[in-house]
C-alpha cells in the first residue's frame, strides 16, 4: 500500500517591503489615506492594489520601454544598410532630422 504524503503548507517568503507614509493633504508628490480609500472604492480594488496600479502606471510613463542600443551606426553598418536598399526607389539618409 503506497504511503500518503502529507502536504505541508509553506509560507512563501515575503518580498522586501517598504513603509508607506500617507500625506496629510494631497499634493503633486503624495496622497492622503482618504484619497487612496476613495480610489479603492471607486475602482473596486484594495488600497494595496491601488498603490501598485499607480506605481505601475508611473513606471510606464517615466522609465524607457526599450533596451538601450549601442549608439550610432558604424561606417560598415551604414554601408550594409545602403547595400540592402533597392536602387532608385528610396534614398538613404544619415538622419531623420534636418541638420542645423
Protein backbone atom coordinates (compact mmCIF):
# COMPACT_ATOMS: atom_id res chain seq x y z
CA UNK A 1 0.00 0.00 0.00
CA UNK A 2 1.54 3.34 -1.03
CA UNK A 3 2.18 5.76 1.76
CA UNK A 4 0.35 9.04 1.81
CA UNK A 5 2.46 12.10 1.52
CA UNK A 6 1.40 14.79 3.87
CA UNK A 7 1.17 18.19 2.29
CA UNK A 8 2.91 20.86 4.22
CA UNK A 9 1.88 24.37 3.53
CA UNK A 10 4.93 26.52 3.37
CA UNK A 11 4.64 30.19 3.76
CA UNK A 12 6.04 31.95 0.75
CA UNK A 13 8.94 34.17 1.61
CA UNK A 14 7.75 37.74 1.53
CA UNK A 15 9.31 40.16 -0.90
CA UNK A 16 11.18 43.07 0.62
CA UNK A 17 8.72 45.71 1.74
CA UNK A 18 8.70 49.41 2.42
CA UNK A 19 6.71 51.61 4.73
CA UNK A 20 4.31 54.00 3.05
CA UNK A 21 3.50 57.14 4.96
CA UNK A 22 0.43 58.92 3.67
CA UNK A 23 0.43 62.71 3.39
CA UNK A 24 -1.91 64.86 5.47
CA UNK A 25 -3.14 66.54 2.28
CA UNK A 26 -2.96 65.64 -1.41
CA UNK A 27 -0.22 67.23 -3.49
CA UNK A 28 1.79 66.58 -6.65
CA UNK A 29 4.12 64.37 -4.61
CA UNK A 30 1.78 62.42 -2.37
CA UNK A 31 -1.77 61.49 -1.46
CA UNK A 32 -3.74 61.17 1.73
CA UNK A 33 -5.19 57.92 3.03
CA UNK A 34 -8.67 59.28 2.30
CA UNK A 35 -7.80 59.66 -1.40
CA UNK A 36 -6.39 56.12 -1.58
CA UNK A 37 -9.53 54.79 0.09
CA UNK A 38 -11.78 56.69 -2.34
CA UNK A 39 -9.79 55.36 -5.30
CA UNK A 40 -10.01 51.81 -3.98
CA UNK A 41 -13.79 52.07 -3.55
CA UNK A 42 -14.26 53.70 -6.96
CA UNK A 43 -12.11 51.14 -8.79
CA UNK A 44 -13.23 48.13 -6.77
CA UNK A 45 -9.67 47.38 -5.68
CA UNK A 46 -7.90 47.10 -2.37
CA UNK A 47 -5.76 50.01 -1.22
CA UNK A 48 -2.65 47.91 -1.86
CA UNK A 49 -3.78 47.22 -5.43
CA UNK A 50 -4.43 50.94 -5.97
CA UNK A 51 -0.85 51.71 -4.91
CA UNK A 52 0.54 49.01 -7.24
CA UNK A 53 -1.56 50.27 -10.17
CA UNK A 54 -0.37 53.83 -9.54
CA UNK A 55 3.28 52.77 -9.38
CA UNK A 56 2.96 50.58 -12.50
CA UNK A 57 1.39 53.48 -14.41
CA UNK A 58 4.12 55.85 -13.25
CA UNK A 59 6.82 53.34 -14.23
CA UNK A 60 5.40 53.04 -17.77
CA UNK A 61 5.39 56.83 -18.08
CA UNK A 62 8.80 57.57 -16.56
CA UNK A 63 11.02 54.61 -17.49
CA UNK A 64 12.23 53.71 -21.00
CA UNK A 65 10.24 50.86 -22.57
CA UNK A 66 13.07 49.68 -24.78
CA UNK A 67 16.53 48.23 -24.45
CA UNK A 68 19.29 50.82 -24.93
CA UNK A 69 21.10 50.44 -28.22
CA UNK A 70 24.82 50.57 -28.92
CA UNK A 71 24.81 54.15 -30.16
CA UNK A 72 25.26 55.45 -33.72
CA UNK A 73 25.81 53.04 -36.62
CA UNK A 74 29.37 52.36 -37.68
CA UNK A 75 30.51 53.08 -41.24
CA UNK A 76 30.36 49.33 -42.01
CA UNK A 77 26.77 49.12 -40.72
CA UNK A 78 25.77 52.15 -42.83
CA UNK A 79 27.25 50.53 -45.95
CA UNK A 80 25.36 47.30 -45.19
CA UNK A 81 22.09 49.24 -44.97
CA UNK A 82 22.84 51.03 -48.24
CA UNK A 83 23.51 47.69 -49.98
CA UNK A 84 20.11 46.39 -48.83
CA UNK A 85 18.23 49.40 -50.26
CA UNK A 86 16.52 48.79 -53.61
CA UNK A 87 18.16 51.06 -56.16
CA UNK A 88 16.17 54.03 -57.42
CA UNK A 89 13.20 53.63 -55.06
CA UNK A 90 14.48 55.21 -51.88
CA UNK A 91 17.26 57.44 -50.75
CA UNK A 92 19.34 56.51 -47.71
CA UNK A 93 19.55 59.31 -45.15
CA UNK A 94 22.03 59.69 -42.34
CA UNK A 95 19.49 61.39 -40.11
CA UNK A 96 15.73 61.65 -39.73
CA UNK A 97 16.07 65.30 -38.80
CA UNK A 98 17.37 68.28 -40.74
CA UNK A 99 20.84 69.39 -39.79
CA UNK A 100 21.07 72.85 -38.26
